[in-house]
Amino acid sequence: MSELFDQAEQVAESAYAPYSNFLVGAAVRARDGRVFVGTNVENASYPLGICAEKSALAAAIAAGCRPGDLEEIAVTASPCGGCRQWLVELRLERVTYRNNDGELVTTTPAVLLPDTFEL
């Protein structure tokens, strides 16, 4: 298992998921070596929740990272469609996650979300 994925698993324990009990963690590494972590945070008004990937990516952006500054992300679950668009837009190179069979998979955002759009 990768060190980055280990960090994602650790931070997943801090997730706030009282409705689903589905704890997700993410860790994203910048090209300069910094690592930013995030968890899913649920809300009684379901659309207001935030995914672990978005939480980690927002922390990186708040710290000054921009598209192309982040190289890889590890997530304890397969990224949702919205998060896949974030990964493409921020130009990450690699995504590691557990697939439905529980296997650790590393791929690219382009494989996860083909035919993306840009503004």
C-alpha atoms as a PDB file:
ATOM      1  CA  MET A   1       0.000   0.000   0.000  1.00  0.00           C
ATOM      2  CA  SER A   2       1.207   3.525  -0.693  1.00  0.00           C
ATOM      3  CA  GLU A   3       2.114   5.986   2.034  1.00  0.00           C
ATOM      4  CA  LEU A   4      -0.359   8.480   0.577  1.00  0.00           C
ATOM      5  CA  PHE A   5      -3.174   5.915   0.729  1.00  0.00           C
ATOM      6  CA  ASP A   6      -2.229   5.152   4.335  1.00  0.00           C
ATOM      7  CA  GLN A   7      -2.720   8.848   5.144  1.00  0.00           C
ATOM      8  CA  ALA A   8      -6.123   8.774   3.439  1.00  0.00           C
ATOM      9  CA  GLU A   9      -7.156   5.783   5.543  1.00  0.00           C
ATOM     10  CA  GLN A  10      -5.992   7.502   8.727  1.00  0.00           C
ATOM     11  CA  VAL A  11      -7.878  10.726   8.080  1.00  0.00           C
ATOM     12  CA  ALA A  12     -11.041   8.804   7.107  1.00  0.00           C
ATOM     13  CA  GLU A  13     -11.469   8.037  10.801  1.00  0.00           C
ATOM     14  CA  SER A  14     -12.135  11.774  11.332  1.00  0.00           C
ATOM     15  CA  ALA A  15     -14.941  11.982   8.760  1.00  0.00           C
ATOM     16  CA  TYR A  16     -18.283  13.403   9.823  1.00  0.00           C
ATOM     17  CA  ALA A  17     -20.811  10.935   8.408  1.00  0.00           C
ATOM     18  CA  PRO A  18     -23.670  10.532  10.910  1.00  0.00           C
ATOM     19  CA  TYR A  19     -26.236   9.735   8.197  1.00  0.00           C
ATOM     20  CA  SER A  20     -24.437   7.205   6.001  1.00  0.00           C
ATOM     21  CA  ASN A  21     -21.700   6.006   8.367  1.00  0.00           C
ATOM     22  CA  PHE A  22     -19.573   5.872   5.187  1.00  0.00           C
ATOM     23  CA  LEU A  23     -16.232   7.346   6.256  1.00  0.00           C
ATOM     24  CA  VAL A  24     -14.045   8.540   3.384  1.00  0.00           C
ATOM     25  CA  GLY A  25     -10.580  10.037   3.521  1.00  0.00           C
ATOM     26  CA  ALA A  26      -8.368  11.603   0.880  1.00  0.00           C
ATOM     27  CA  ALA A  27      -4.748  12.719   0.750  1.00  0.00           C
ATOM     28  CA  VAL A  28      -3.345  14.782  -2.108  1.00  0.00           C
ATOM     29  CA  ARG A  29       0.353  15.348  -2.754  1.00  0.00           C
ATOM     30  CA  ALA A  30       1.675  18.539  -4.307  1.00  0.00           C
ATOM     31  CA  ARG A  31       4.717  18.503  -6.573  1.00  0.00           C
ATOM     32  CA  ASP A  32       6.716  20.228  -3.820  1.00  0.00           C
ATOM     33  CA  GLY A  33       6.012  17.305  -1.454  1.00  0.00           C
ATOM     34  CA  ARG A  34       3.319  18.893   0.714  1.00  0.00           C
ATOM     35  CA  VAL A  35       0.372  16.630   1.541  1.00  0.00           C
ATOM     36  CA  PHE A  36      -3.157  17.878   2.173  1.00  0.00           C
ATOM     37  CA  VAL A  37      -5.853  15.684   3.684  1.00  0.00           C
ATOM     38  CA  GLY A  38      -9.616  15.830   3.743  1.00  0.00           C
ATOM     39  CA  THR A  39     -12.665  13.862   4.793  1.00  0.00           C
ATOM     40  CA  ASN A  40     -16.271  13.681   3.762  1.00  0.00           C
ATOM     41  CA  VAL A  41     -18.497  15.963   5.821  1.00  0.00           C
ATOM     42  CA  GLU A  42     -22.214  15.208   5.699  1.00  0.00           C
ATOM     43  CA  ASN A  43     -25.079  17.577   6.403  1.00  0.00           C
ATOM     44  CA  ALA A  44     -28.740  16.954   7.178  1.00  0.00           C
ATOM     45  CA  SER A  45     -29.444  18.826   3.934  1.00  0.00           C
ATOM     46  CA  TYR A  46     -27.688  16.178   1.818  1.00  0.00           C
ATOM     47  CA  PRO A  47     -26.594  18.384  -1.112  1.00  0.00           C
ATOM     48  CA  LEU A  48     -24.616  20.538   1.319  1.00  0.00           C
ATOM     49  CA  GLY A  49     -22.235  17.711   2.208  1.00  0.00           C
ATOM     50  CA  ILE A  50     -18.696  17.666   0.847  1.00  0.00           C
ATOM     51  CA  CYS A  51     -16.645  14.757  -0.466  1.00  0.00           C
ATOM     52  CA  ALA A  52     -13.244  13.886   0.975  1.00  0.00           C
ATOM     53  CA  GLU A  53     -11.529  14.626  -2.331  1.00  0.00           C
ATOM     54  CA  LYS A  54     -13.031  18.111  -2.534  1.00  0.00           C
ATOM     55  CA  SER A  55     -12.093  18.727   1.095  1.00  0.00           C
ATOM     56  CA  ALA A  56      -8.429  17.791   0.471  1.00  0.00           C
ATOM     57  CA  LEU A  57      -8.275  19.670  -2.837  1.00  0.00           C
ATOM     58  CA  ALA A  58      -9.825  22.783  -1.271  1.00  0.00           C
ATOM     59  CA  ALA A  59      -7.170  22.683   1.473  1.00  0.00           C
ATOM     60  CA  ALA A  60      -4.470  22.548  -1.207  1.00  0.00           C
ATOM     61  CA  ILE A  61      -6.025  25.464  -3.095  1.00  0.00           C
ATOM     62  CA  ALA A  62      -6.314  27.459   0.150  1.00  0.00           C
ATOM     63  CA  ALA A  63      -2.579  26.852   0.686  1.00  0.00           C
ATOM     64  CA  GLY A  64      -1.820  28.361  -2.734  1.00  0.00           C
ATOM     65  CA  CYS A  65      -1.762  25.341  -5.055  1.00  0.00           C
ATOM     66  CA  ARG A  66      -3.129  25.825  -8.558  1.00  0.00           C
ATOM     67  CA  PRO A  67      -3.906  23.522 -11.507  1.00  0.00           C
ATOM     68  CA  GLY A  68      -0.788  21.509 -12.302  1.00  0.00           C
ATOM     69  CA  ASP A  69       0.712  21.889  -8.805  1.00  0.00           C
ATOM     70  CA  LEU A  70      -0.823  18.635  -7.515  1.00  0.00           C
ATOM     71  CA  GLU A  71       0.460  15.292  -8.738  1.00  0.00           C
ATOM     72  CA  GLU A  72      -1.539  12.557  -7.074  1.00  0.00           C
ATOM     73  CA  ILE A  73      -4.443  11.811  -4.782  1.00  0.00           C
ATOM     74  CA  ALA A  74      -5.365   8.744  -2.751  1.00  0.00           C
ATOM     75  CA  VAL A  75      -8.988   8.169  -1.750  1.00  0.00           C
ATOM     76  CA  THR A  76     -10.480   5.381   0.344  1.00  0.00           C
ATOM     77  CA  ALA A  77     -13.396   5.024  -2.124  1.00  0.00           C
ATOM     78  CA  SER A  78     -13.913   5.498  -5.842  1.00  0.00           C
ATOM     79  CA  PRO A  79     -14.326   9.212  -6.632  1.00  0.00           C
ATOM     80  CA  CYS A  80     -17.798  10.405  -7.615  1.00  0.00           C
ATOM     81  CA  GLY A  81     -18.395  12.081 -10.969  1.00  0.00           C
ATOM     82  CA  GLY A  82     -18.163  15.593  -9.560  1.00  0.00           C
ATOM     83  CA  CYS A  83     -14.840  14.852  -7.879  1.00  0.00           C
ATOM     84  CA  ARG A  84     -13.559  13.306 -11.092  1.00  0.00           C
ATOM     85  CA  GLN A  85     -14.142  16.655 -12.824  1.00  0.00           C
ATOM     86  CA  TRP A  86     -12.173  18.395 -10.045  1.00  0.00           C
ATOM     87  CA  LEU A  87      -9.279  15.946 -10.565  1.00  0.00           C
ATOM     88  CA  VAL A  88      -9.246  16.658 -14.298  1.00  0.00           C
ATOM     89  CA  GLU A  89      -9.538  20.421 -13.905  1.00  0.00           C
ATOM     90  CA  LEU A  90      -6.721  20.564 -11.334  1.00  0.00           C
ATOM     91  CA  ARG A  91      -4.601  18.373 -13.672  1.00  0.00           C
ATOM     92  CA  LEU A  92      -3.655  15.607 -11.261  1.00  0.00           C
ATOM     93  CA  GLU A  93      -1.636  12.788 -12.816  1.00  0.00           C
ATOM     94  CA  ARG A  94      -2.647   9.814 -10.682  1.00  0.00           C
ATOM     95  CA  VAL A  95      -5.569   8.645  -8.583  1.00  0.00           C
ATOM     96  CA  THR A  96      -5.336   5.692  -6.183  1.00  0.00           C
ATOM     97  CA  TYR A  97      -8.489   4.244  -4.641  1.00  0.00           C
ATOM     98  CA  ARG A  98     -10.119   0.993  -3.542  1.00  0.00           C
ATOM     99  CA  ASN A  99     -12.366  -0.432  -6.241  1.00  0.00           C
ATOM    100  CA  ASN A 100     -15.588  -2.370  -5.588  1.00  0.00           C
ATOM    101  CA  ASP A 101     -13.565  -5.567  -5.101  1.00  0.00           C
ATOM    102  CA  GLY A 102     -11.464  -3.902  -2.401  1.00  0.00           C
ATOM    103  CA  GLU A 103      -8.362  -3.837  -4.596  1.00  0.00           C
ATOM    104  CA  LEU A 104      -6.070  -0.826  -4.607  1.00  0.00           C
ATOM    105  CA  VAL A 105      -6.122   0.690  -8.112  1.00  0.00           C
ATOM    106  CA  THR A 106      -4.018   3.500  -9.547  1.00  0.00           C
ATOM    107  CA  THR A 107      -5.185   5.215 -12.716  1.00  0.00           C
ATOM    108  CA  THR A 108      -5.487   8.651 -14.279  1.00  0.00           C
ATOM    109  CA  PRO A 109      -8.322  11.171 -14.031  1.00  0.00           C
ATOM    110  CA  ALA A 110      -8.721  10.921 -17.827  1.00  0.00           C
ATOM    111  CA  VAL A 111      -9.482   7.206 -17.549  1.00  0.00           C
ATOM    112  CA  LEU A 112     -12.005   7.866 -14.772  1.00  0.00           C
ATOM    113  CA  LEU A 113     -13.681  10.697 -16.688  1.00  0.00           C
ATOM    114  CA  PRO A 114     -13.209  10.479 -20.463  1.00  0.00           C
ATOM    115  CA  ASP A 115     -14.474  13.234 -22.760  1.00  0.00           C
ATOM    116  CA  THR A 116     -14.253  15.980 -20.150  1.00  0.00           C
ATOM    117  CA  PHE A 117     -15.088  19.579 -20.922  1.00  0.00           C
ATOM    118  CA  GLU A 118     -13.232  22.808 -20.407  1.00  0.00           C
ATOM    119  CA  LEU A 119     -14.512  26.377 -20.318  1.00  0.00           C
END
